[in-house]
Amino acid sequence: MEGFKWAVLILPGVSLLGVILLYFHFKNTVKDKVAYRYYIWTIALTAFFLNLVWELLHGPLYEGYQYDWPHIRMCLLASVTDMLTLLIMLFGFGLFYKNIYWAQHLTVEKILLIVITGGIGTTLLERWHIATGHWEYAAAMPIVPFLEVGLTPLLQFTILPIIIFIIGKALSIKKL
């Protein structure tokens, strides 16, 4: 984590474009646009906040991390990226299930799909970021055997999305 590398913004830029396009796609398919906007903002803000807490807590597991402004800024940026990734997951599965509110009714099948998708995506992205030198793990990072990725980033995108969707449902239930 020596210096900022602009290449880390490529995926978030593409994700942002995808989120914007999918937001308007689903906005045109729902009856109650106010409830829809509230639901998406609830999911987005919950995702940002919980991912920021996660990033700050597991920051010391990355080489060179310190609780200083440059590293906290990087955690803020990572949390925006994490939020966009979660929204891509929400919208992508919304297309798959033909229902943007699919996460309001989590089943074992949907939870497994979240875990598998989040696990595969995290494994591929973490390995790419490590290989390109965007960051490296500290000795304290527990590594998942065979996958060769850190345990905390893997858990971040296999468990945290489920928690975010449950909180999003709880906060949005009266609006939907």
N, C-alpha and C. Protein backbone atom coordinates (compact mmCIF):
# COMPACT_ATOMS: atom_id res chain seq x y z
N MET A 1 0.84 -1.19 0.00
CA MET A 1 0.00 0.00 0.00
C MET A 1 0.88 1.25 0.00
N GLU A 2 1.90 1.22 -0.81
CA GLU A 2 2.87 2.30 -0.81
C GLU A 2 2.34 3.59 -1.40
N GLY A 3 1.69 3.54 -2.53
CA GLY A 3 1.17 4.73 -3.16
C GLY A 3 -0.09 4.42 -3.93
N PHE A 4 -0.85 5.44 -4.16
CA PHE A 4 -2.11 5.25 -4.87
C PHE A 4 -1.83 4.89 -6.33
N LYS A 5 -2.55 3.90 -6.82
CA LYS A 5 -2.41 3.50 -8.21
C LYS A 5 -3.77 3.67 -8.90
N TRP A 6 -3.77 4.49 -9.94
CA TRP A 6 -5.01 4.84 -10.63
C TRP A 6 -5.72 3.63 -11.21
N ALA A 7 -5.02 2.56 -11.49
CA ALA A 7 -5.65 1.37 -12.07
C ALA A 7 -6.73 0.78 -11.16
N VAL A 8 -6.63 1.05 -9.85
CA VAL A 8 -7.65 0.52 -8.95
C VAL A 8 -9.01 1.18 -9.17
N LEU A 9 -9.04 2.27 -9.94
CA LEU A 9 -10.31 2.97 -10.20
C LEU A 9 -11.03 2.45 -11.46
N ILE A 10 -10.39 1.60 -12.23
CA ILE A 10 -11.01 1.11 -13.46
C ILE A 10 -12.29 0.33 -13.15
N LEU A 11 -12.18 -0.66 -12.30
CA LEU A 11 -13.36 -1.47 -11.97
C LEU A 11 -14.45 -0.66 -11.30
N PRO A 12 -14.13 0.22 -10.31
CA PRO A 12 -15.19 1.05 -9.74
C PRO A 12 -15.87 1.95 -10.78
N GLY A 13 -15.11 2.46 -11.73
CA GLY A 13 -15.70 3.31 -12.78
C GLY A 13 -16.69 2.53 -13.62
N VAL A 14 -16.32 1.33 -14.01
CA VAL A 14 -17.22 0.47 -14.78
C VAL A 14 -18.43 0.09 -13.93
N SER A 15 -18.18 -0.20 -12.65
CA SER A 15 -19.27 -0.56 -11.74
C SER A 15 -20.25 0.60 -11.58
N LEU A 16 -19.72 1.81 -11.43
CA LEU A 16 -20.59 2.98 -11.28
C LEU A 16 -21.49 3.15 -12.50
N LEU A 17 -20.93 3.02 -13.68
CA LEU A 17 -21.73 3.11 -14.90
C LEU A 17 -22.81 2.03 -14.91
N GLY A 18 -22.44 0.81 -14.57
CA GLY A 18 -23.41 -0.28 -14.52
C GLY A 18 -24.51 -0.03 -13.50
N VAL A 19 -24.14 0.47 -12.33
CA VAL A 19 -25.13 0.75 -11.28
C VAL A 19 -26.11 1.82 -11.75
N ILE A 20 -25.61 2.87 -12.37
CA ILE A 20 -26.48 3.95 -12.85
C ILE A 20 -27.46 3.42 -13.89
N LEU A 21 -26.95 2.67 -14.86
CA LEU A 21 -27.83 2.13 -15.91
C LEU A 21 -28.86 1.17 -15.33
N LEU A 22 -28.45 0.29 -14.44
CA LEU A 22 -29.38 -0.67 -13.85
C LEU A 22 -30.37 0.01 -12.90
N TYR A 23 -29.93 1.05 -12.21
CA TYR A 23 -30.84 1.80 -11.35
C TYR A 23 -32.01 2.33 -12.17
N PHE A 24 -31.71 2.96 -13.30
CA PHE A 24 -32.79 3.51 -14.13
C PHE A 24 -33.60 2.43 -14.83
N HIS A 25 -32.95 1.32 -15.16
CA HIS A 25 -33.70 0.20 -15.74
C HIS A 25 -34.79 -0.27 -14.78
N PHE A 26 -34.40 -0.52 -13.54
CA PHE A 26 -35.39 -1.01 -12.56
C PHE A 26 -36.37 0.07 -12.14
N LYS A 27 -35.92 1.32 -12.13
CA LYS A 27 -36.82 2.41 -11.77
C LYS A 27 -38.01 2.44 -12.73
N ASN A 28 -37.76 2.09 -13.99
CA ASN A 28 -38.84 2.07 -14.98
C ASN A 28 -39.74 0.85 -14.86
N THR A 29 -39.38 -0.13 -14.03
CA THR A 29 -40.19 -1.35 -13.93
C THR A 29 -41.02 -1.42 -12.66
N VAL A 30 -40.75 -0.54 -11.69
CA VAL A 30 -41.47 -0.62 -10.42
C VAL A 30 -42.64 0.36 -10.40
N LYS A 31 -43.63 0.03 -9.60
CA LYS A 31 -44.81 0.90 -9.49
C LYS A 31 -44.54 2.07 -8.55
N ASP A 32 -44.00 1.77 -7.38
CA ASP A 32 -43.77 2.81 -6.38
C ASP A 32 -42.32 3.28 -6.45
N LYS A 33 -42.10 4.37 -7.14
CA LYS A 33 -40.75 4.88 -7.37
C LYS A 33 -40.11 5.44 -6.10
N VAL A 34 -40.92 5.99 -5.21
CA VAL A 34 -40.41 6.53 -3.94
C VAL A 34 -39.89 5.38 -3.07
N ALA A 35 -40.66 4.31 -2.96
CA ALA A 35 -40.24 3.15 -2.17
C ALA A 35 -38.99 2.51 -2.79
N TYR A 36 -38.94 2.46 -4.10
CA TYR A 36 -37.78 1.91 -4.81
C TYR A 36 -36.53 2.72 -4.48
N ARG A 37 -36.62 4.03 -4.61
CA ARG A 37 -35.48 4.91 -4.33
C ARG A 37 -35.04 4.74 -2.87
N TYR A 38 -35.99 4.69 -1.96
CA TYR A 38 -35.68 4.51 -0.54
C TYR A 38 -34.96 3.18 -0.32
N TYR A 39 -35.45 2.12 -0.94
CA TYR A 39 -34.85 0.79 -0.81
C TYR A 39 -33.41 0.78 -1.31
N ILE A 40 -33.17 1.33 -2.49
CA ILE A 40 -31.82 1.33 -3.07
C ILE A 40 -30.88 2.17 -2.21
N TRP A 41 -31.33 3.34 -1.77
CA TRP A 41 -30.48 4.19 -0.94
C TRP A 41 -30.22 3.53 0.42
N THR A 42 -31.19 2.82 0.95
CA THR A 42 -31.00 2.11 2.22
C THR A 42 -29.93 1.04 2.06
N ILE A 43 -30.03 0.25 1.00
CA ILE A 43 -29.03 -0.79 0.74
C ILE A 43 -27.66 -0.14 0.51
N ALA A 44 -27.60 0.91 -0.29
CA ALA A 44 -26.32 1.55 -0.62
C ALA A 44 -25.65 2.13 0.62
N LEU A 45 -26.40 2.87 1.42
CA LEU A 45 -25.80 3.49 2.61
C LEU A 45 -25.41 2.46 3.66
N THR A 46 -26.22 1.44 3.82
CA THR A 46 -25.89 0.35 4.75
C THR A 46 -24.61 -0.35 4.27
N ALA A 47 -24.54 -0.60 2.97
CA ALA A 47 -23.35 -1.25 2.41
C ALA A 47 -22.12 -0.39 2.61
N PHE A 48 -22.24 0.91 2.35
CA PHE A 48 -21.09 1.80 2.53
C PHE A 48 -20.62 1.80 3.98
N PHE A 49 -21.55 2.00 4.91
CA PHE A 49 -21.18 2.10 6.33
C PHE A 49 -20.57 0.80 6.85
N LEU A 50 -21.22 -0.33 6.59
CA LEU A 50 -20.70 -1.61 7.11
C LEU A 50 -19.37 -1.98 6.45
N ASN A 51 -19.22 -1.68 5.17
CA ASN A 51 -17.94 -1.95 4.51
C ASN A 51 -16.85 -1.03 5.02
N LEU A 52 -17.18 0.21 5.34
CA LEU A 52 -16.18 1.12 5.91
C LEU A 52 -15.68 0.59 7.25
N VAL A 53 -16.61 0.16 8.09
CA VAL A 53 -16.22 -0.41 9.38
C VAL A 53 -15.33 -1.63 9.15
N TRP A 54 -15.74 -2.50 8.21
CA TRP A 54 -14.95 -3.71 7.90
C TRP A 54 -13.55 -3.33 7.42
N GLU A 55 -13.49 -2.38 6.47
CA GLU A 55 -12.20 -1.96 5.92
C GLU A 55 -11.28 -1.41 7.01
N LEU A 56 -11.82 -0.60 7.89
CA LEU A 56 -11.02 -0.04 8.97
C LEU A 56 -10.54 -1.11 9.95
N LEU A 57 -11.39 -2.09 10.21
CA LEU A 57 -11.02 -3.15 11.15
C LEU A 57 -9.98 -4.11 10.58
N HIS A 58 -10.09 -4.42 9.27
CA HIS A 58 -9.11 -5.37 8.74
C HIS A 58 -7.93 -4.68 8.03
N GLY A 59 -7.91 -3.36 8.06
CA GLY A 59 -6.79 -2.62 7.49
C GLY A 59 -5.42 -3.07 7.97
N PRO A 60 -5.24 -3.29 9.28
CA PRO A 60 -3.92 -3.72 9.77
C PRO A 60 -3.46 -5.08 9.22
N LEU A 61 -4.34 -5.81 8.57
CA LEU A 61 -3.95 -7.09 7.97
C LEU A 61 -3.32 -6.90 6.59
N TYR A 62 -3.19 -5.64 6.16
CA TYR A 62 -2.52 -5.31 4.89
C TYR A 62 -1.19 -4.64 5.20
N GLU A 63 -0.21 -4.95 4.41
CA GLU A 63 1.14 -4.46 4.60
C GLU A 63 1.18 -2.93 4.58
N GLY A 64 1.81 -2.36 5.60
CA GLY A 64 2.01 -0.92 5.66
C GLY A 64 0.82 -0.11 6.15
N TYR A 65 -0.28 -0.76 6.50
CA TYR A 65 -1.47 -0.01 6.91
C TYR A 65 -1.22 0.69 8.24
N GLN A 66 -1.68 1.92 8.32
CA GLN A 66 -1.64 2.69 9.55
C GLN A 66 -2.96 3.45 9.66
N TYR A 67 -3.34 3.79 10.87
CA TYR A 67 -4.56 4.59 11.05
C TYR A 67 -4.20 6.06 10.90
N ASP A 68 -3.89 6.44 9.66
CA ASP A 68 -3.61 7.84 9.34
C ASP A 68 -4.54 8.24 8.19
N TRP A 69 -4.56 9.54 7.89
CA TRP A 69 -5.51 10.05 6.89
C TRP A 69 -5.34 9.40 5.52
N PRO A 70 -4.13 9.22 4.97
CA PRO A 70 -4.02 8.58 3.65
C PRO A 70 -4.62 7.17 3.62
N HIS A 71 -4.44 6.40 4.68
CA HIS A 71 -4.98 5.05 4.69
C HIS A 71 -6.49 5.05 4.95
N ILE A 72 -6.95 5.97 5.78
CA ILE A 72 -8.40 6.08 6.01
C ILE A 72 -9.09 6.52 4.72
N ARG A 73 -8.47 7.44 3.97
CA ARG A 73 -9.01 7.84 2.66
C ARG A 73 -9.11 6.64 1.73
N MET A 74 -8.08 5.79 1.76
CA MET A 74 -8.11 4.58 0.93
C MET A 74 -9.26 3.66 1.37
N CYS A 75 -9.50 3.58 2.67
CA CYS A 75 -10.63 2.77 3.18
C CYS A 75 -11.96 3.37 2.73
N LEU A 76 -12.06 4.69 2.70
CA LEU A 76 -13.28 5.34 2.21
C LEU A 76 -13.51 4.99 0.74
N LEU A 77 -12.46 5.09 -0.05
CA LEU A 77 -12.56 4.74 -1.47
C LEU A 77 -12.92 3.27 -1.65
N ALA A 78 -12.28 2.40 -0.87
CA ALA A 78 -12.59 0.97 -0.94
C ALA A 78 -14.04 0.71 -0.55
N SER A 79 -14.56 1.46 0.40
CA SER A 79 -15.95 1.28 0.84
C SER A 79 -16.94 1.70 -0.25
N VAL A 80 -16.60 2.74 -1.00
CA VAL A 80 -17.44 3.13 -2.14
C VAL A 80 -17.42 2.01 -3.18
N THR A 81 -16.23 1.48 -3.45
CA THR A 81 -16.11 0.37 -4.40
C THR A 81 -16.89 -0.84 -3.91
N ASP A 82 -16.79 -1.14 -2.63
CA ASP A 82 -17.52 -2.27 -2.06
C ASP A 82 -19.03 -2.06 -2.18
N MET A 83 -19.48 -0.83 -1.93
CA MET A 83 -20.90 -0.50 -2.06
C MET A 83 -21.36 -0.71 -3.51
N LEU A 84 -20.57 -0.23 -4.46
CA LEU A 84 -20.93 -0.41 -5.87
C LEU A 84 -20.97 -1.88 -6.25
N THR A 85 -20.03 -2.65 -5.73
CA THR A 85 -20.01 -4.09 -6.00
C THR A 85 -21.26 -4.75 -5.45
N LEU A 86 -21.67 -4.36 -4.25
CA LEU A 86 -22.89 -4.92 -3.68
C LEU A 86 -24.12 -4.52 -4.50
N LEU A 87 -24.15 -3.29 -4.98
CA LEU A 87 -25.28 -2.85 -5.82
C LEU A 87 -25.30 -3.61 -7.15
N ILE A 88 -24.12 -3.89 -7.70
CA ILE A 88 -24.06 -4.72 -8.92
C ILE A 88 -24.65 -6.10 -8.62
N MET A 89 -24.32 -6.63 -7.45
CA MET A 89 -24.87 -7.92 -7.06
C MET A 89 -26.40 -7.83 -6.93
N LEU A 90 -26.89 -6.79 -6.26
CA LEU A 90 -28.33 -6.60 -6.09
C LEU A 90 -29.03 -6.49 -7.45
N PHE A 91 -28.51 -5.62 -8.31
CA PHE A 91 -29.13 -5.42 -9.62
C PHE A 91 -28.95 -6.64 -10.53
N GLY A 92 -27.77 -7.26 -10.49
CA GLY A 92 -27.54 -8.45 -11.32
C GLY A 92 -28.49 -9.57 -10.99
N PHE A 93 -28.64 -9.84 -9.70
CA PHE A 93 -29.60 -10.87 -9.30
C PHE A 93 -31.03 -10.41 -9.55
N GLY A 94 -31.25 -9.08 -9.50
CA GLY A 94 -32.57 -8.55 -9.85
C GLY A 94 -32.93 -8.88 -11.29
N LEU A 95 -31.95 -8.79 -12.18
CA LEU A 95 -32.17 -9.20 -13.58
C LEU A 95 -32.43 -10.70 -13.67
N PHE A 96 -31.63 -11.47 -12.93
CA PHE A 96 -31.76 -12.93 -12.94
C PHE A 96 -33.13 -13.37 -12.44
N TYR A 97 -33.57 -12.78 -11.32
CA TYR A 97 -34.85 -13.15 -10.72
C TYR A 97 -36.03 -12.35 -11.30
N LYS A 98 -35.72 -11.39 -12.16
CA LYS A 98 -36.73 -10.50 -12.75
C LYS A 98 -37.54 -9.78 -11.65
N ASN A 99 -36.81 -9.40 -10.59
CA ASN A 99 -37.45 -8.74 -9.45
C ASN A 99 -36.36 -8.04 -8.64
N ILE A 100 -36.38 -6.72 -8.60
CA ILE A 100 -35.36 -5.98 -7.87
C ILE A 100 -35.46 -6.22 -6.37
N TYR A 101 -36.60 -6.66 -5.90
CA TYR A 101 -36.80 -6.90 -4.48
C TYR A 101 -36.52 -8.35 -4.09
N TRP A 102 -35.75 -9.06 -4.89
CA TRP A 102 -35.45 -10.47 -4.64
C TRP A 102 -34.82 -10.69 -3.27
N ALA A 103 -34.02 -9.74 -2.79
CA ALA A 103 -33.33 -9.91 -1.51
C ALA A 103 -34.26 -9.74 -0.31
N GLN A 104 -35.48 -9.32 -0.56
CA GLN A 104 -36.46 -9.19 0.52
C GLN A 104 -36.93 -10.56 1.01
N HIS A 105 -36.69 -11.58 0.22
CA HIS A 105 -37.13 -12.94 0.54
C HIS A 105 -35.95 -13.89 0.35
N LEU A 106 -34.98 -13.80 1.27
CA LEU A 106 -33.79 -14.65 1.16
C LEU A 106 -34.14 -16.10 1.48
N THR A 107 -33.73 -16.97 0.59
CA THR A 107 -33.89 -18.41 0.78
C THR A 107 -32.50 -19.02 0.86
N VAL A 108 -32.44 -20.29 1.20
CA VAL A 108 -31.15 -20.98 1.24
C VAL A 108 -30.48 -20.91 -0.13
N GLU A 109 -31.26 -21.08 -1.21
CA GLU A 109 -30.73 -21.01 -2.57
C GLU A 109 -30.11 -19.64 -2.85
N LYS A 110 -30.81 -18.58 -2.48
CA LYS A 110 -30.30 -17.23 -2.72
C LYS A 110 -29.06 -16.94 -1.87
N ILE A 111 -29.06 -17.39 -0.64
CA ILE A 111 -27.90 -17.19 0.23
C ILE A 111 -26.69 -17.92 -0.35
N LEU A 112 -26.89 -19.14 -0.81
CA LEU A 112 -25.78 -19.89 -1.43
C LEU A 112 -25.27 -19.18 -2.67
N LEU A 113 -26.18 -18.63 -3.46
CA LEU A 113 -25.79 -17.90 -4.66
C LEU A 113 -24.96 -16.65 -4.31
N ILE A 114 -25.36 -15.95 -3.25
CA ILE A 114 -24.60 -14.79 -2.77
C ILE A 114 -23.20 -15.22 -2.33
N VAL A 115 -23.14 -16.29 -1.54
CA VAL A 115 -21.85 -16.76 -1.02
C VAL A 115 -20.94 -17.21 -2.16
N ILE A 116 -21.46 -17.97 -3.10
CA ILE A 116 -20.65 -18.47 -4.22
C ILE A 116 -20.19 -17.32 -5.11
N THR A 117 -21.12 -16.43 -5.46
CA THR A 117 -20.77 -15.29 -6.31
C THR A 117 -19.76 -14.37 -5.62
N GLY A 118 -20.04 -14.05 -4.37
CA GLY A 118 -19.12 -13.19 -3.61
C GLY A 118 -17.76 -13.84 -3.44
N GLY A 119 -17.75 -15.14 -3.19
CA GLY A 119 -16.49 -15.86 -3.01
C GLY A 119 -15.65 -15.90 -4.27
N ILE A 120 -16.29 -16.20 -5.39
CA ILE A 120 -15.56 -16.26 -6.67
C ILE A 120 -15.05 -14.87 -7.05
N GLY A 121 -15.93 -13.87 -6.94
CA GLY A 121 -15.53 -12.50 -7.29
C GLY A 121 -14.39 -12.00 -6.43
N THR A 122 -14.48 -12.24 -5.12
CA THR A 122 -13.42 -11.80 -4.22
C THR A 122 -12.11 -12.51 -4.51
N THR A 123 -12.18 -13.81 -4.75
CA THR A 123 -10.96 -14.57 -5.04
C THR A 123 -10.27 -14.02 -6.28
N LEU A 124 -11.04 -13.80 -7.34
CA LEU A 124 -10.44 -13.29 -8.58
C LEU A 124 -9.87 -11.89 -8.39
N LEU A 125 -10.63 -11.01 -7.76
CA LEU A 125 -10.17 -9.63 -7.58
C LEU A 125 -8.99 -9.51 -6.62
N GLU A 126 -9.04 -10.23 -5.51
CA GLU A 126 -7.93 -10.18 -4.56
C GLU A 126 -6.65 -10.69 -5.21
N ARG A 127 -6.74 -11.79 -5.94
CA ARG A 127 -5.54 -12.33 -6.59
C ARG A 127 -4.99 -11.34 -7.62
N TRP A 128 -5.89 -10.66 -8.35
CA TRP A 128 -5.46 -9.67 -9.34
C TRP A 128 -4.77 -8.49 -8.64
N HIS A 129 -5.41 -7.97 -7.58
CA HIS A 129 -4.82 -6.82 -6.87
C HIS A 129 -3.47 -7.17 -6.25
N ILE A 130 -3.35 -8.36 -5.71
CA ILE A 130 -2.07 -8.79 -5.13
C ILE A 130 -1.02 -8.95 -6.25
N ALA A 131 -1.42 -9.59 -7.34
CA ALA A 131 -0.48 -9.83 -8.45
C ALA A 131 0.00 -8.53 -9.09
N THR A 132 -0.85 -7.52 -9.15
CA THR A 132 -0.48 -6.26 -9.78
C THR A 132 0.16 -5.29 -8.79
N GLY A 133 0.24 -5.68 -7.53
CA GLY A 133 0.90 -4.85 -6.54
C GLY A 133 0.07 -3.70 -5.99
N HIS A 134 -1.24 -3.74 -6.20
CA HIS A 134 -2.08 -2.68 -5.64
C HIS A 134 -2.04 -2.71 -4.12
N TRP A 135 -1.92 -3.91 -3.55
CA TRP A 135 -1.72 -4.06 -2.12
C TRP A 135 -1.14 -5.43 -1.86
N GLU A 136 -0.69 -5.62 -0.62
CA GLU A 136 -0.18 -6.93 -0.23
C GLU A 136 -0.59 -7.20 1.21
N TYR A 137 -0.71 -8.46 1.52
CA TYR A 137 -1.13 -8.84 2.87
C TYR A 137 0.03 -8.74 3.84
N ALA A 138 -0.30 -8.36 5.07
CA ALA A 138 0.67 -8.41 6.16
C ALA A 138 0.76 -9.86 6.64
N ALA A 139 1.77 -10.14 7.41
CA ALA A 139 1.96 -11.51 7.93
C ALA A 139 0.78 -11.95 8.79
N ALA A 140 0.07 -11.00 9.39
CA ALA A 140 -1.06 -11.33 10.27
C ALA A 140 -2.32 -11.77 9.51
N MET A 141 -2.39 -11.53 8.19
CA MET A 141 -3.58 -11.88 7.42
C MET A 141 -3.71 -13.41 7.33
N PRO A 142 -4.83 -13.96 7.82
CA PRO A 142 -5.03 -15.39 7.63
C PRO A 142 -5.32 -15.66 6.15
N ILE A 143 -4.62 -16.62 5.57
CA ILE A 143 -4.77 -16.95 4.15
C ILE A 143 -5.60 -18.22 4.02
N VAL A 144 -6.57 -18.20 3.11
CA VAL A 144 -7.41 -19.37 2.85
C VAL A 144 -6.61 -20.32 1.96
N PRO A 145 -6.35 -21.54 2.46
CA PRO A 145 -5.58 -22.50 1.66
C PRO A 145 -6.27 -22.76 0.31
N PHE A 146 -5.52 -23.12 -0.66
CA PHE A 146 -5.94 -23.41 -2.02
C PHE A 146 -6.32 -22.14 -2.78
N LEU A 147 -7.16 -21.29 -2.19
CA LEU A 147 -7.55 -20.05 -2.87
C LEU A 147 -6.44 -19.01 -2.84
N GLU A 148 -5.62 -19.08 -1.79
CA GLU A 148 -4.51 -18.15 -1.61
C GLU A 148 -4.97 -16.69 -1.57
N VAL A 149 -6.06 -16.45 -0.87
CA VAL A 149 -6.55 -15.09 -0.64
C VAL A 149 -6.77 -14.92 0.86
N GLY A 150 -6.82 -13.66 1.28
CA GLY A 150 -7.05 -13.37 2.69
C GLY A 150 -8.44 -13.78 3.14
N LEU A 151 -8.51 -14.25 4.38
CA LEU A 151 -9.80 -14.68 4.93
C LEU A 151 -10.76 -13.52 5.10
N THR A 152 -10.27 -12.38 5.60
CA THR A 152 -11.21 -11.28 5.87
C THR A 152 -11.83 -10.67 4.61
N PRO A 153 -11.08 -10.50 3.50
CA PRO A 153 -11.77 -10.02 2.30
C PRO A 153 -12.75 -11.05 1.75
N LEU A 154 -12.43 -12.33 1.91
CA LEU A 154 -13.34 -13.38 1.45
C LEU A 154 -14.63 -13.36 2.26
N LEU A 155 -14.52 -13.23 3.57
CA LEU A 155 -15.71 -13.16 4.41
C LEU A 155 -16.51 -11.88 4.14
N GLN A 156 -15.79 -10.81 3.79
CA GLN A 156 -16.44 -9.53 3.53
C GLN A 156 -17.47 -9.64 2.42
N PHE A 157 -17.18 -10.44 1.40
CA PHE A 157 -18.13 -10.53 0.29
C PHE A 157 -18.90 -11.83 0.23
N THR A 158 -18.79 -12.63 1.28
CA THR A 158 -19.65 -13.82 1.35
C THR A 158 -20.66 -13.69 2.47
N ILE A 159 -20.30 -13.03 3.54
CA ILE A 159 -21.19 -12.89 4.70
C ILE A 159 -21.83 -11.50 4.78
N LEU A 160 -21.02 -10.46 4.56
CA LEU A 160 -21.52 -9.09 4.71
C LEU A 160 -22.69 -8.76 3.79
N PRO A 161 -22.71 -9.22 2.52
CA PRO A 161 -23.89 -8.91 1.69
C PRO A 161 -25.20 -9.44 2.28
N ILE A 162 -25.15 -10.60 2.88
CA ILE A 162 -26.36 -11.18 3.48
C ILE A 162 -26.83 -10.29 4.63
N ILE A 163 -25.89 -9.86 5.47
CA ILE A 163 -26.23 -8.98 6.59
C ILE A 163 -26.80 -7.66 6.06
N ILE A 164 -26.19 -7.12 5.02
CA ILE A 164 -26.67 -5.85 4.44
C ILE A 164 -28.08 -6.00 3.89
N PHE A 165 -28.35 -7.10 3.20
CA PHE A 165 -29.70 -7.31 2.65
C PHE A 165 -30.73 -7.50 3.77
N ILE A 166 -30.36 -8.15 4.85
CA ILE A 166 -31.28 -8.32 5.98
C ILE A 166 -31.57 -6.97 6.63
N ILE A 167 -30.53 -6.17 6.85
CA ILE A 167 -30.72 -4.84 7.42
C ILE A 167 -31.54 -3.97 6.46
N GLY A 168 -31.22 -4.04 5.17
CA GLY A 168 -31.97 -3.28 4.17
C GLY A 168 -33.45 -3.63 4.18
N LYS A 169 -33.76 -4.89 4.33
CA LYS A 169 -35.15 -5.33 4.41
C LYS A 169 -35.82 -4.75 5.67
N ALA A 170 -35.13 -4.85 6.80
CA ALA A 170 -35.69 -4.36 8.04
C ALA A 170 -35.95 -2.86 7.99
N LEU A 171 -35.05 -2.11 7.37
CA LEU A 171 -35.21 -0.66 7.30
C LEU A 171 -36.20 -0.21 6.24
N SER A 172 -36.45 -1.06 5.26
CA SER A 172 -37.31 -0.70 4.13
C SER A 172 -38.70 -1.28 4.22
N ILE A 173 -38.96 -2.16 5.14
CA ILE A 173 -40.20 -2.94 5.17
C ILE A 173 -41.45 -2.05 5.16
N LYS A 174 -41.41 -0.94 5.87
CA LYS A 174 -42.60 -0.07 5.92
C LYS A 174 -42.82 0.69 4.64
N LYS A 175 -41.74 0.92 3.88
CA LYS A 175 -41.84 1.67 2.64
C LYS A 175 -42.32 0.79 1.48
N LEU A 176 -42.01 -0.52 1.54
CA LEU A 176 -42.36 -1.41 0.43
C LEU A 176 -43.73 -1.90 0.65
